[in-house]
Amino acid sequence: MFLSRTDIEQLTGYRRPSRQKLWLRKNGLRFFVAADGYPRVPRANFENLQKQHYAEPDFNSLKGMR
């Protein structure tokens, strides 16, 4: 359901939750803060962001540029 603490640490490169949250905000990942202060990133949000980032570009607008 959520990325693990290890996943978030590897993704952000930070161990401290305050730095993780800054990195997640800067990179557009939505997250929740749990009672322990650590960010919780829903796995679906992360996977959707990956799909958007690696989606093929839309070349249709270039067809009429000759």
PDB file of N, CA and C in Angstrom:
ATOM      1  N   MET A   1       0.807  -1.178   0.000  1.00  0.00           N
ATOM      2  CA  MET A   1       0.000   0.000   0.000  1.00  0.00           C
ATOM      3  C   MET A   1       0.872   1.273   0.000  1.00  0.00           C
ATOM      4  N   PHE A   2       1.930   1.313   0.846  1.00  0.00           N
ATOM      5  CA  PHE A   2       2.842   2.449   0.915  1.00  0.00           C
ATOM      6  C   PHE A   2       4.264   1.993   0.624  1.00  0.00           C
ATOM      7  N   LEU A   3       5.090   2.917   0.120  1.00  0.00           N
ATOM      8  CA  LEU A   3       6.511   2.620  -0.007  1.00  0.00           C
ATOM      9  C   LEU A   3       7.072   2.419   1.395  1.00  0.00           C
ATOM     10  N   SER A   4       8.021   1.517   1.527  1.00  0.00           N
ATOM     11  CA  SER A   4       8.623   1.270   2.833  1.00  0.00           C
ATOM     12  C   SER A   4       9.570   2.408   3.199  1.00  0.00           C
ATOM     13  N   ARG A   5       9.964   2.470   4.460  1.00  0.00           N
ATOM     14  CA  ARG A   5      10.948   3.477   4.880  1.00  0.00           C
ATOM     15  C   ARG A   5      12.235   3.335   4.088  1.00  0.00           C
ATOM     16  N   THR A   6      12.634   2.101   3.853  1.00  0.00           N
ATOM     17  CA  THR A   6      13.852   1.845   3.074  1.00  0.00           C
ATOM     18  C   THR A   6      13.685   2.356   1.650  1.00  0.00           C
ATOM     19  N   ASP A   7      12.520   2.107   1.051  1.00  0.00           N
ATOM     20  CA  ASP A   7      12.248   2.605  -0.307  1.00  0.00           C
ATOM     21  C   ASP A   7      12.362   4.126  -0.356  1.00  0.00           C
ATOM     22  N   ILE A   8      11.762   4.789   0.625  1.00  0.00           N
ATOM     23  CA  ILE A   8      11.783   6.257   0.648  1.00  0.00           C
ATOM     24  C   ILE A   8      13.201   6.761   0.877  1.00  0.00           C
ATOM     25  N   GLU A   9      13.951   6.084   1.735  1.00  0.00           N
ATOM     26  CA  GLU A   9      15.337   6.461   1.985  1.00  0.00           C
ATOM     27  C   GLU A   9      16.176   6.322   0.718  1.00  0.00           C
ATOM     28  N   GLN A  10      15.996   5.237  -0.001  1.00  0.00           N
ATOM     29  CA  GLN A  10      16.736   5.027  -1.240  1.00  0.00           C
ATOM     30  C   GLN A  10      16.304   6.018  -2.319  1.00  0.00           C
ATOM     31  N   LEU A  11      15.025   6.302  -2.383  1.00  0.00           N
ATOM     32  CA  LEU A  11      14.495   7.233  -3.374  1.00  0.00           C
ATOM     33  C   LEU A  11      15.022   8.637  -3.148  1.00  0.00           C
ATOM     34  N   THR A  12      14.980   9.096  -1.903  1.00  0.00           N
ATOM     35  CA  THR A  12      15.352  10.479  -1.594  1.00  0.00           C
ATOM     36  C   THR A  12      16.838  10.657  -1.334  1.00  0.00           C
ATOM     37  N   GLY A  13      17.487   9.603  -0.848  1.00  0.00           N
ATOM     38  CA  GLY A  13      18.889   9.714  -0.466  1.00  0.00           C
ATOM     39  C   GLY A  13      19.062  10.268   0.938  1.00  0.00           C
ATOM     40  N   TYR A  14      17.965  10.417   1.671  1.00  0.00           N
ATOM     41  CA  TYR A  14      18.005  10.972   3.025  1.00  0.00           C
ATOM     42  C   TYR A  14      17.432   9.997   4.034  1.00  0.00           C
ATOM     43  N   ARG A  15      17.981  10.047   5.259  1.00  0.00           N
ATOM     44  CA  ARG A  15      17.458   9.225   6.348  1.00  0.00           C
ATOM     45  C   ARG A  15      16.495  10.014   7.224  1.00  0.00           C
ATOM     46  N   ARG A  16      16.757  11.309   7.377  1.00  0.00           N
ATOM     47  CA  ARG A  16      15.926  12.133   8.248  1.00  0.00           C
ATOM     48  C   ARG A  16      14.596  12.444   7.573  1.00  0.00           C
ATOM     49  N   PRO A  17      13.498  12.266   8.311  1.00  0.00           N
ATOM     50  CA  PRO A  17      12.175  12.500   7.724  1.00  0.00           C
ATOM     51  C   PRO A  17      11.989  13.935   7.228  1.00  0.00           C
ATOM     52  N   SER A  18      12.581  14.904   7.896  1.00  0.00           N
ATOM     53  CA  SER A  18      12.423  16.301   7.460  1.00  0.00           C
ATOM     54  C   SER A  18      13.028  16.513   6.077  1.00  0.00           C
ATOM     55  N   ARG A  19      14.174  15.921   5.820  1.00  0.00           N
ATOM     56  CA  ARG A  19      14.821  16.040   4.507  1.00  0.00           C
ATOM     57  C   ARG A  19      14.066  15.221   3.461  1.00  0.00           C
ATOM     58  N   GLN A  20      13.550  14.059   3.857  1.00  0.00           N
ATOM     59  CA  GLN A  20      12.767  13.239   2.940  1.00  0.00           C
ATOM     60  C   GLN A  20      11.545  14.024   2.463  1.00  0.00           C
ATOM     61  N   LYS A  21      10.858  14.683   3.392  1.00  0.00           N
ATOM     62  CA  LYS A  21       9.658  15.444   3.047  1.00  0.00           C
ATOM     63  C   LYS A  21       9.986  16.588   2.100  1.00  0.00           C
ATOM     64  N   LEU A  22      11.103  17.276   2.340  1.00  0.00           N
ATOM     65  CA  LEU A  22      11.518  18.354   1.425  1.00  0.00           C
ATOM     66  C   LEU A  22      11.766  17.816   0.019  1.00  0.00           C
ATOM     67  N   TRP A  23      12.471  16.678  -0.062  1.00  0.00           N
ATOM     68  CA  TRP A  23      12.780  16.082  -1.361  1.00  0.00           C
ATOM     69  C   TRP A  23      11.506  15.649  -2.075  1.00  0.00           C
ATOM     70  N   LEU A  24      10.598  15.015  -1.339  1.00  0.00           N
ATOM     71  CA  LEU A  24       9.345  14.541  -1.930  1.00  0.00           C
ATOM     72  C   LEU A  24       8.530  15.712  -2.473  1.00  0.00           C
ATOM     73  N   ARG A  25       8.443  16.803  -1.700  1.00  0.00           N
ATOM     74  CA  ARG A  25       7.713  17.997  -2.173  1.00  0.00           C
ATOM     75  C   ARG A  25       8.361  18.561  -3.435  1.00  0.00           C
ATOM     76  N   LYS A  26       9.676  18.705  -3.397  1.00  0.00           N
ATOM     77  CA  LYS A  26      10.417  19.281  -4.531  1.00  0.00           C
ATOM     78  C   LYS A  26      10.208  18.461  -5.813  1.00  0.00           C
ATOM     79  N   ASN A  27      10.047  17.166  -5.662  1.00  0.00           N
ATOM     80  CA  ASN A  27       9.931  16.280  -6.817  1.00  0.00           C
ATOM     81  C   ASN A  27       8.494  15.866  -7.132  1.00  0.00           C
ATOM     82  N   GLY A  28       7.539  16.521  -6.504  1.00  0.00           N
ATOM     83  CA  GLY A  28       6.141  16.344  -6.873  1.00  0.00           C
ATOM     84  C   GLY A  28       5.479  15.059  -6.419  1.00  0.00           C
ATOM     85  N   LEU A  29       6.024  14.421  -5.407  1.00  0.00           N
ATOM     86  CA  LEU A  29       5.399  13.193  -4.900  1.00  0.00           C
ATOM     87  C   LEU A  29       4.488  13.533  -3.729  1.00  0.00           C
ATOM     88  N   ARG A  30       3.235  13.130  -3.826  1.00  0.00           N
ATOM     89  CA  ARG A  30       2.287  13.345  -2.737  1.00  0.00           C
ATOM     90  C   ARG A  30       2.564  12.338  -1.640  1.00  0.00           C
ATOM     91  N   PHE A  31       2.435  12.789  -0.392  1.00  0.00           N
ATOM     92  CA  PHE A  31       2.689  11.914   0.740  1.00  0.00           C
ATOM     93  C   PHE A  31       1.855  12.352   1.930  1.00  0.00           C
ATOM     94  N   PHE A  32       1.786  11.475   2.910  1.00  0.00           N
ATOM     95  CA  PHE A  32       1.116  11.733   4.179  1.00  0.00           C
ATOM     96  C   PHE A  32       2.174  11.630   5.264  1.00  0.00           C
ATOM     97  N   VAL A  33       1.976  12.333   6.342  1.00  0.00           N
ATOM     98  CA  VAL A  33       2.893  12.227   7.472  1.00  0.00           C
ATOM     99  C   VAL A  33       2.209  11.410   8.557  1.00  0.00           C
ATOM    100  N   ALA A  34       2.860  10.330   8.959  1.00  0.00           N
ATOM    101  CA  ALA A  34       2.318   9.460   9.999  1.00  0.00           C
ATOM    102  C   ALA A  34       2.618  10.055  11.375  1.00  0.00           C
ATOM    103  N   ALA A  35       2.041   9.476  12.405  1.00  0.00           N
ATOM    104  CA  ALA A  35       2.220   9.957  13.773  1.00  0.00           C
ATOM    105  C   ALA A  35       3.689   9.938  14.200  1.00  0.00           C
ATOM    106  N   ASP A  36       4.491   9.062  13.587  1.00  0.00           N
ATOM    107  CA  ASP A  36       5.912   8.999  13.944  1.00  0.00           C
ATOM    108  C   ASP A  36       6.749  10.065  13.236  1.00  0.00           C
ATOM    109  N   GLY A  37       6.101  10.873  12.375  1.00  0.00           N
ATOM    110  CA  GLY A  37       6.801  11.959  11.688  1.00  0.00           C
ATOM    111  C   GLY A  37       7.391  11.583  10.344  1.00  0.00           C
ATOM    112  N   TYR A  38       7.339  10.312   9.991  1.00  0.00           N
ATOM    113  CA  TYR A  38       7.901   9.865   8.714  1.00  0.00           C
ATOM    114  C   TYR A  38       6.864   9.997   7.600  1.00  0.00           C
ATOM    115  N   PRO A  39       7.319  10.354   6.401  1.00  0.00           N
ATOM    116  CA  PRO A  39       6.382  10.454   5.276  1.00  0.00           C
ATOM    117  C   PRO A  39       5.943   9.075   4.816  1.00  0.00           C
ATOM    118  N   ARG A  40       4.707   8.991   4.389  1.00  0.00           N
ATOM    119  CA  ARG A  40       4.154   7.764   3.811  1.00  0.00           C
ATOM    120  C   ARG A  40       3.742   8.096   2.384  1.00  0.00           C
ATOM    121  N   VAL A  41       4.350   7.413   1.441  1.00  0.00           N
ATOM    122  CA  VAL A  41       4.064   7.631   0.026  1.00  0.00           C
ATOM    123  C   VAL A  41       3.224   6.464  -0.469  1.00  0.00           C
ATOM    124  N   PRO A  42       1.982   6.721  -0.884  1.00  0.00           N
ATOM    125  CA  PRO A  42       1.178   5.635  -1.446  1.00  0.00           C
ATOM    126  C   PRO A  42       1.867   5.071  -2.690  1.00  0.00           C
ATOM    127  N   ARG A  43       1.988   3.772  -2.735  1.00  0.00           N
ATOM    128  CA  ARG A  43       2.664   3.115  -3.861  1.00  0.00           C
ATOM    129  C   ARG A  43       2.008   3.494  -5.196  1.00  0.00           C
ATOM    130  N   ALA A  44       0.691   3.624  -5.223  1.00  0.00           N
ATOM    131  CA  ALA A  44      -0.013   3.977  -6.460  1.00  0.00           C
ATOM    132  C   ALA A  44       0.396   5.366  -6.946  1.00  0.00           C
ATOM    133  N   ASN A  45       0.579   6.329  -6.035  1.00  0.00           N
ATOM    134  CA  ASN A  45       1.016   7.672  -6.437  1.00  0.00           C
ATOM    135  C   ASN A  45       2.394   7.616  -7.073  1.00  0.00           C
ATOM    136  N   PHE A  46       3.284   6.837  -6.481  1.00  0.00           N
ATOM    137  CA  PHE A  46       4.637   6.704  -7.014  1.00  0.00           C
ATOM    138  C   PHE A  46       4.620   6.047  -8.391  1.00  0.00           C
ATOM    139  N   GLU A  47       3.831   4.993  -8.532  1.00  0.00           N
ATOM    140  CA  GLU A  47       3.762   4.296  -9.819  1.00  0.00           C
ATOM    141  C   GLU A  47       3.136   5.177 -10.893  1.00  0.00           C
ATOM    142  N   ASN A  48       2.105   5.957 -10.546  1.00  0.00           N
ATOM    143  CA  ASN A  48       1.487   6.865 -11.516  1.00  0.00           C
ATOM    144  C   ASN A  48       2.460   7.947 -11.956  1.00  0.00           C
ATOM    145  N   LEU A  49       3.256   8.467 -11.033  1.00  0.00           N
ATOM    146  CA  LEU A  49       4.239   9.486 -11.382  1.00  0.00           C
ATOM    147  C   LEU A  49       5.283   8.911 -12.325  1.00  0.00           C
ATOM    148  N   GLN A  50       5.694   7.675 -12.083  1.00  0.00           N
ATOM    149  CA  GLN A  50       6.657   7.025 -12.968  1.00  0.00           C
ATOM    150  C   GLN A  50       6.085   6.880 -14.372  1.00  0.00           C
ATOM    151  N   LYS A  51       4.829   6.479 -14.475  1.00  0.00           N
ATOM    152  CA  LYS A  51       4.193   6.307 -15.784  1.00  0.00           C
ATOM    153  C   LYS A  51       4.132   7.634 -16.526  1.00  0.00           C
ATOM    154  N   GLN A  52       3.799   8.704 -15.834  1.00  0.00           N
ATOM    155  CA  GLN A  52       3.722  10.026 -16.462  1.00  0.00           C
ATOM    156  C   GLN A  52       5.099  10.475 -16.924  1.00  0.00           C
ATOM    157  N   HIS A  53       6.097  10.210 -16.116  1.00  0.00           N
ATOM    158  CA  HIS A  53       7.452  10.664 -16.430  1.00  0.00           C
ATOM    159  C   HIS A  53       8.028   9.929 -17.634  1.00  0.00           C
ATOM    160  N   TYR A  54       7.702   8.667 -17.766  1.00  0.00           N
ATOM    161  CA  TYR A  54       8.263   7.858 -18.845  1.00  0.00           C
ATOM    162  C   TYR A  54       7.294   7.641 -20.007  1.00  0.00           C
ATOM    163  N   ALA A  55       6.199   8.372 -20.014  1.00  0.00           N
ATOM    164  CA  ALA A  55       5.247   8.237 -21.116  1.00  0.00           C
ATOM    165  C   ALA A  55       5.874   8.744 -22.410  1.00  0.00           C
ATOM    166  N   GLU A  56       5.470   8.151 -23.516  1.00  0.00           N
ATOM    167  CA  GLU A  56       5.993   8.593 -24.799  1.00  0.00           C
ATOM    168  C   GLU A  56       5.436   9.967 -25.140  1.00  0.00           C
ATOM    169  N   PRO A  57       6.253  10.818 -25.747  1.00  0.00           N
ATOM    170  CA  PRO A  57       5.769  12.147 -26.107  1.00  0.00           C
ATOM    171  C   PRO A  57       4.724  12.093 -27.201  1.00  0.00           C
ATOM    172  N   ASP A  58       3.884  13.111 -27.248  1.00  0.00           N
ATOM    173  CA  ASP A  58       2.847  13.222 -28.266  1.00  0.00           C
ATOM    174  C   ASP A  58       3.411  14.027 -29.438  1.00  0.00           C
ATOM    175  N   PHE A  59       3.690  13.359 -30.547  1.00  0.00           N
ATOM    176  CA  PHE A  59       4.295  13.992 -31.711  1.00  0.00           C
ATOM    177  C   PHE A  59       3.246  14.543 -32.683  1.00  0.00           C
ATOM    178  N   ASN A  60       1.971  14.435 -32.372  1.00  0.00           N
ATOM    179  CA  ASN A  60       0.908  14.886 -33.278  1.00  0.00           C
ATOM    180  C   ASN A  60       1.021  16.373 -33.610  1.00  0.00           C
ATOM    181  N   SER A  61       1.478  17.182 -32.679  1.00  0.00           N
ATOM    182  CA  SER A  61       1.578  18.628 -32.941  1.00  0.00           C
ATOM    183  C   SER A  61       2.696  18.952 -33.934  1.00  0.00           C
ATOM    184  N   LEU A  62       3.592  18.035 -34.170  1.00  0.00           N
ATOM    185  CA  LEU A  62       4.701  18.277 -35.109  1.00  0.00           C
ATOM    186  C   LEU A  62       4.350  17.902 -36.550  1.00  0.00           C
ATOM    187  N   LYS A  63       3.246  17.251 -36.775  1.00  0.00           N
ATOM    188  CA  LYS A  63       2.897  16.780 -38.113  1.00  0.00           C
ATOM    189  C   LYS A  63       2.746  17.909 -39.128  1.00  0.00           C
ATOM    190  N   GLY A  64       2.225  19.035 -38.717  1.00  0.00           N
ATOM    191  CA  GLY A  64       1.997  20.138 -39.667  1.00  0.00           C
ATOM    192  C   GLY A  64       3.145  21.121 -39.763  1.00  0.00           C
ATOM    193  N   MET A  65       4.316  20.799 -39.226  1.00  0.00           N
ATOM    194  CA  MET A  65       5.432  21.743 -39.206  1.00  0.00           C
ATOM    195  C   MET A  65       6.441  21.480 -40.316  1.00  0.00           C
ATOM    196  N   ARG A  66       6.019  21.578 -41.551  1.00  0.00           N
ATOM    197  CA  ARG A  66       6.955  21.378 -42.664  1.00  0.00           C
ATOM    198  C   ARG A  66       7.081  22.611 -43.482  1.00  0.00           C
TER     199      ARG A  66
END
